[in-house]
């Protein structure tokens, strides 16, 4: 009987180093959805003046909906996405890889179970318009549609590949605050990633990229790619109870690449091809340059 492999997908949070450091101290921030509509605090691809809004049209009648006081945690489902290059342009230095999004959200929810209700954790839906026509005989359940509205983003944002968690406040005295500072035991679900030496222009030009995985015993593995577009984001491969982090390859070979110091240089199975696999429990830091 063939051995079964399981594939898991982490998510990625880009931020300044000081904020990344706080996550490893079990401290993080979730933001009120209305805050992302405010140009006083945000700009670029974080600012979205239509965040949490929709217009519902029935014949000539239009109902405008604006949702406030939903608290969200934003990340991306793909490290090598526009979110990375936006982070580079914004001089952000760090990315925190969240190994198990479902468990991460659960620990936040459990820590604040008397204050917050978990509504959603998953990808955003990218739409050409936030205006919708509905059947004149259809009765709209606005409450049931709240989560859908809170996960809609314009098509222009689609390359961010956003992953979003949403909580509703229950009994918070500051439920209309711009953000909530949270403490939850999440540090052992995280891996630090640094990319300050990665050049956006050189990456797009196909120049060589090196990924150095620093291990807790002081050693390191080095994965050098002459064709950086030949890899996807890091993924987790589970096999016989062992979880390894590896880079998914577009092809079935490491042509134009070198690997040294990894637990396994290359894995090929029914799920695809993967390069530079290391045991997750051994990883201290991943550096891109």
Protein backbone atom coordinates (compact mmCIF):
# COMPACT_ATOMS: atom_id res chain seq x y z
CA UNK A 1 0.00 0.00 0.00
CA UNK A 2 1.52 3.37 -1.03
CA UNK A 3 2.49 5.81 1.69
CA UNK A 4 0.18 8.81 1.87
CA UNK A 5 1.44 12.36 1.77
CA UNK A 6 -0.61 15.35 2.86
CA UNK A 7 -0.11 18.88 1.63
CA UNK A 8 -0.85 21.90 3.83
CA UNK A 9 -0.71 25.56 2.90
CA UNK A 10 0.60 28.17 5.34
CA UNK A 11 -0.30 31.85 5.10
CA UNK A 12 2.01 34.86 5.23
CA UNK A 13 1.87 38.17 7.10
CA UNK A 14 4.11 41.00 5.82
CA UNK A 15 5.02 43.69 8.32
CA UNK A 16 7.73 45.77 9.93
CA UNK A 17 10.30 43.95 12.03
CA UNK A 18 9.05 45.35 15.34
CA UNK A 19 5.54 44.05 14.66
CA UNK A 20 6.89 40.67 13.59
CA UNK A 21 8.87 40.51 16.85
CA UNK A 22 5.66 41.06 18.82
CA UNK A 23 3.99 38.08 17.15
CA UNK A 24 6.79 35.87 18.47
CA UNK A 25 5.92 37.28 21.91
CA UNK A 26 2.31 36.12 21.37
CA UNK A 27 1.10 39.67 20.68
CA UNK A 28 -0.70 40.75 17.52
CA UNK A 29 -3.25 43.23 16.23
CA UNK A 30 -6.60 42.77 14.52
CA UNK A 31 -8.09 45.81 12.80
CA UNK A 32 -11.59 47.21 12.50
CA UNK A 33 -12.72 46.81 8.90
CA UNK A 34 -13.78 50.47 8.76
CA UNK A 35 -10.18 51.54 9.40
CA UNK A 36 -9.12 50.39 5.92
CA UNK A 37 -11.49 52.96 4.38
CA UNK A 38 -9.68 55.82 6.11
CA UNK A 39 -7.00 57.56 4.04
CA UNK A 40 -5.68 59.26 7.19
CA UNK A 41 -4.18 55.96 8.28
CA UNK A 42 -3.64 53.95 5.11
CA UNK A 43 -2.47 54.32 1.55
CA UNK A 44 -1.56 52.23 -1.47
CA UNK A 45 -3.00 48.74 -1.58
CA UNK A 46 -3.94 48.72 2.10
CA UNK A 47 -6.39 51.59 1.58
CA UNK A 48 -9.72 50.44 0.13
CA UNK A 49 -12.45 53.08 0.39
CA UNK A 50 -15.06 50.45 -0.41
CA UNK A 51 -13.91 47.96 2.23
CA UNK A 52 -16.92 46.31 3.87
CA UNK A 53 -19.47 48.01 1.63
CA UNK A 54 -21.94 46.90 -1.04
CA UNK A 55 -24.89 48.25 -3.00
CA UNK A 56 -27.92 46.03 -3.59
CA UNK A 57 -30.23 47.00 -6.47
CA UNK A 58 -33.82 45.82 -6.79
CA UNK A 59 -35.58 47.48 -9.75
CA UNK A 60 -34.98 51.20 -9.22
CA UNK A 61 -34.26 50.88 -5.52
CA UNK A 62 -30.71 50.71 -4.19
CA UNK A 63 -29.77 49.72 -0.67
CA UNK A 64 -26.30 50.80 0.38
CA UNK A 65 -24.68 48.66 3.05
CA UNK A 66 -21.68 49.69 5.13
CA UNK A 67 -20.31 47.28 7.69
CA UNK A 68 -18.36 48.56 10.67
CA UNK A 69 -16.92 46.93 13.78
CA UNK A 70 -15.84 43.64 12.28
CA UNK A 71 -12.27 42.87 13.27
CA UNK A 72 -10.03 41.33 10.66
CA UNK A 73 -6.57 39.83 10.34
CA UNK A 74 -5.13 40.12 6.84
CA UNK A 75 -2.46 37.94 5.28
CA UNK A 76 -1.70 36.40 1.89
CA UNK A 77 -1.99 32.79 0.79
CA UNK A 78 1.04 33.07 -1.51
CA UNK A 79 4.44 34.41 -0.43
CA UNK A 80 5.71 35.12 -3.95
CA UNK A 81 2.81 37.46 -4.76
CA UNK A 82 2.25 41.18 -5.25
CA UNK A 83 2.04 41.42 -1.46
CA UNK A 84 5.77 40.61 -1.26
CA UNK A 85 6.73 43.28 -3.78
CA UNK A 86 4.39 45.79 -2.16
CA UNK A 87 6.15 45.03 1.14
CA UNK A 88 9.55 45.59 -0.51
CA UNK A 89 8.40 48.95 -1.89
CA UNK A 90 7.04 49.93 1.54
CA UNK A 91 10.41 49.07 3.14
CA UNK A 92 8.89 46.33 5.25
CA UNK A 93 11.54 43.92 6.40
CA UNK A 94 9.78 40.78 7.57
CA UNK A 95 7.19 38.20 6.83
CA UNK A 96 5.75 35.84 9.41
CA UNK A 97 4.73 32.45 8.07
CA UNK A 98 1.70 31.06 9.90
CA UNK A 99 1.99 27.30 9.61
CA UNK A 100 -1.57 26.35 10.60
CA UNK A 101 -4.09 29.14 9.87
CA UNK A 102 -7.04 27.25 11.35
CA UNK A 103 -5.26 26.62 14.65
CA UNK A 104 -3.92 30.18 14.69
CA UNK A 105 -7.43 31.62 14.43
CA UNK A 106 -8.73 29.13 17.00
CA UNK A 107 -6.18 30.19 19.60
CA UNK A 108 -7.09 33.85 19.15
CA UNK A 109 -10.78 33.01 19.43
CA UNK A 110 -10.27 30.82 22.51
CA UNK A 111 -8.29 33.56 24.25
CA UNK A 112 -11.15 36.03 23.71
CA UNK A 113 -14.17 33.73 23.68
CA UNK A 114 -16.20 36.07 25.91
CA UNK A 115 -15.38 39.06 23.70
CA UNK A 116 -15.17 37.84 20.12
CA UNK A 117 -17.00 35.42 17.85
CA UNK A 118 -15.10 33.89 14.96
CA UNK A 119 -16.99 34.42 11.69
CA UNK A 120 -14.67 33.38 8.89
CA UNK A 121 -11.18 32.32 7.89
CA UNK A 122 -10.31 31.93 4.23
CA UNK A 123 -9.59 33.65 0.96
CA UNK A 124 -11.12 36.87 -0.30
CA UNK A 125 -13.40 36.96 -3.33
CA UNK A 126 -12.40 39.37 -6.08
CA UNK A 127 -15.31 40.97 -7.91
CA UNK A 128 -15.66 43.47 -10.77
CA UNK A 129 -18.18 45.51 -8.79
CA UNK A 130 -19.63 45.73 -5.30
CA UNK A 131 -23.03 46.59 -6.77
CA UNK A 132 -25.40 43.65 -7.15
CA UNK A 133 -28.80 43.29 -8.77
CA UNK A 134 -31.18 40.97 -6.93
CA UNK A 135 -34.50 39.46 -7.87
CA UNK A 136 -37.42 41.75 -6.90
CA UNK A 137 -39.15 38.84 -5.15
CA UNK A 138 -36.05 37.80 -3.21
CA UNK A 139 -35.89 38.65 0.49
CA UNK A 140 -32.31 39.56 1.33
CA UNK A 141 -30.92 38.39 4.65
CA UNK A 142 -28.43 41.17 5.30
CA UNK A 143 -27.04 39.44 8.38
CA UNK A 144 -26.25 36.29 6.45
CA UNK A 145 -24.51 38.32 3.75
CA UNK A 146 -22.23 40.24 6.10
CA UNK A 147 -19.32 37.82 5.82
CA UNK A 148 -19.56 37.76 2.04
CA UNK A 149 -19.48 41.57 1.91
CA UNK A 150 -16.50 41.64 4.28
CA UNK A 151 -14.50 39.31 2.03
CA UNK A 152 -15.19 41.06 -1.29
CA UNK A 153 -12.33 42.96 -2.88
CA UNK A 154 -12.01 44.71 -6.27
CA UNK A 155 -10.34 42.81 -9.10
CA UNK A 156 -7.46 45.30 -8.98
CA UNK A 157 -6.41 43.73 -5.66
CA UNK A 158 -6.56 40.11 -6.85
CA UNK A 159 -2.80 39.63 -7.20
CA UNK A 160 -2.52 40.08 -3.42
CA UNK A 161 -4.20 36.67 -2.97
CA UNK A 162 -5.47 37.81 0.41
CA UNK A 163 -6.38 35.41 3.19
CA UNK A 164 -8.62 36.98 5.81
CA UNK A 165 -10.01 36.14 9.24
CA UNK A 166 -13.07 37.94 10.63
CA UNK A 167 -14.35 38.27 14.20
CA UNK A 168 -17.47 39.99 15.55
CA UNK A 169 -17.33 41.69 18.96
CA UNK A 170 -19.65 40.43 21.70
CA UNK A 171 -19.04 42.51 24.78
CA UNK A 172 -16.12 44.78 24.03
CA UNK A 173 -16.28 48.25 25.62
CA UNK A 174 -14.25 49.52 22.63
CA UNK A 175 -15.95 47.61 19.83
CA UNK A 176 -15.71 50.67 17.56
CA UNK A 177 -11.94 51.04 18.09
CA UNK A 178 -9.61 51.19 15.08
CA UNK A 179 -7.92 47.99 16.21
CA UNK A 180 -7.58 45.53 19.08
CA UNK A 181 -4.25 44.44 20.51
CA UNK A 182 -4.46 40.72 21.16
CA UNK A 183 -2.46 38.28 23.27
CA UNK A 184 -2.74 34.61 22.34
CA UNK A 185 -0.38 31.64 22.47
CA UNK A 186 0.54 31.50 18.78
CA UNK A 187 4.35 31.80 18.67
CA UNK A 188 4.96 28.09 18.08
CA UNK A 189 2.85 28.29 14.91
CA UNK A 190 5.17 30.86 13.32
CA UNK A 191 8.37 30.99 11.27
CA UNK A 192 10.18 34.24 10.55
CA UNK A 193 11.06 35.08 6.94
CA UNK A 194 13.33 37.96 5.88
CA UNK A 195 13.57 39.38 2.38
CA UNK A 196 15.22 42.82 2.70
CA UNK A 197 18.01 41.70 0.34
CA UNK A 198 15.58 40.52 -2.34
CA UNK A 199 15.34 42.82 -5.37
CA UNK A 200 11.95 43.10 -7.06
CA UNK A 201 13.44 44.12 -10.40
CA UNK A 202 16.00 41.29 -10.37
CA UNK A 203 13.35 38.75 -9.41
CA UNK A 204 11.10 39.81 -12.29
CA UNK A 205 14.12 39.73 -14.60
CA UNK A 206 14.73 36.10 -13.62
CA UNK A 207 18.01 36.70 -11.80
CA UNK A 208 19.32 34.11 -9.34
CA UNK A 209 17.53 33.91 -5.98
CA UNK A 210 18.95 32.19 -2.92
CA UNK A 211 16.82 30.93 -0.02
CA UNK A 212 18.77 30.20 3.14
CA UNK A 213 17.01 28.21 5.85
CA UNK A 214 18.69 28.72 9.22
CA UNK A 215 18.22 25.74 11.52
CA UNK A 216 18.03 25.76 15.30
CA UNK A 217 21.22 23.68 15.66
CA UNK A 218 23.22 26.44 13.96
CA UNK A 219 23.48 24.80 10.54
CA UNK A 220 21.67 25.95 7.42
CA UNK A 221 20.37 24.73 4.09
CA UNK A 222 20.84 26.74 0.91
CA UNK A 223 18.54 26.60 -2.10
CA UNK A 224 19.78 28.58 -5.12
CA UNK A 225 17.55 29.03 -8.15
CA UNK A 226 18.74 30.36 -11.49
CA UNK A 227 15.09 30.53 -12.58
CA UNK A 228 13.12 31.92 -9.59
CA UNK A 229 9.82 31.79 -11.50
CA UNK A 230 10.10 27.98 -11.38
CA UNK A 231 8.93 27.81 -7.74
CA UNK A 232 5.75 28.45 -5.82
CA UNK A 233 5.47 29.57 -2.20
CA UNK A 234 6.62 27.30 0.63
CA UNK A 235 4.24 24.47 1.49
CA UNK A 236 4.07 21.86 4.24
CA UNK A 237 4.41 18.18 3.40
CA UNK A 238 3.22 15.73 6.05
CA UNK A 239 4.49 12.17 5.79
CA UNK A 240 4.37 9.47 8.50
CA UNK A 241 3.69 12.12 11.15
CA UNK A 242 6.68 14.23 10.10
CA UNK A 243 6.04 17.76 8.81
CA UNK A 244 8.54 19.29 6.41
CA UNK A 245 8.61 22.70 4.76
CA UNK A 246 9.55 22.70 1.08
CA UNK A 247 9.23 24.81 -2.06
CA UNK A 248 6.79 23.54 -4.66
CA UNK A 249 8.35 23.31 -8.12
CA UNK A 250 6.64 23.90 -11.43
CA UNK A 251 8.51 21.00 -13.03
CA UNK A 252 9.87 17.61 -12.04
CA UNK A 253 13.53 18.54 -11.83
CA UNK A 254 15.91 20.94 -10.14
CA UNK A 255 17.43 22.08 -13.43
CA UNK A 256 19.27 25.35 -12.86
CA UNK A 257 19.12 24.94 -9.08
CA UNK A 258 21.37 23.72 -6.30
CA UNK A 259 20.50 22.46 -2.81
CA UNK A 260 22.84 21.91 0.09
CA UNK A 261 22.30 21.10 3.77
CA UNK A 262 18.60 20.25 3.46
CA UNK A 263 16.94 17.28 5.13
CA UNK A 264 15.79 16.16 1.65
CA UNK A 265 16.96 17.83 -1.55
CA UNK A 266 13.94 16.91 -3.65
CA UNK A 267 10.65 15.10 -3.11
CA UNK A 268 8.48 13.80 -5.96
CA UNK A 269 5.15 12.24 -5.09
CA UNK A 270 1.50 12.20 -6.14
CA UNK A 271 1.13 15.80 -4.94
CA UNK A 272 3.89 17.20 -7.15
CA UNK A 273 7.58 18.07 -6.96
CA UNK A 274 9.20 19.87 -4.03
CA UNK A 275 12.69 21.21 -3.40
CA UNK A 276 14.79 21.88 -0.29
CA UNK A 277 12.65 20.15 2.35
CA UNK A 278 13.48 20.73 6.01
CA UNK A 279 11.79 19.47 9.18
CA UNK A 280 9.61 22.30 10.45
CA UNK A 281 10.56 21.79 14.11
CA UNK A 282 14.21 22.42 13.14
CA UNK A 283 13.68 25.76 11.36
CA UNK A 284 14.66 29.06 12.97
CA UNK A 285 14.53 31.52 10.04
CA UNK A 286 14.21 31.63 6.25
CA UNK A 287 16.10 34.35 4.40
CA UNK A 288 15.61 35.36 0.75
CA UNK A 289 18.31 37.22 -1.18
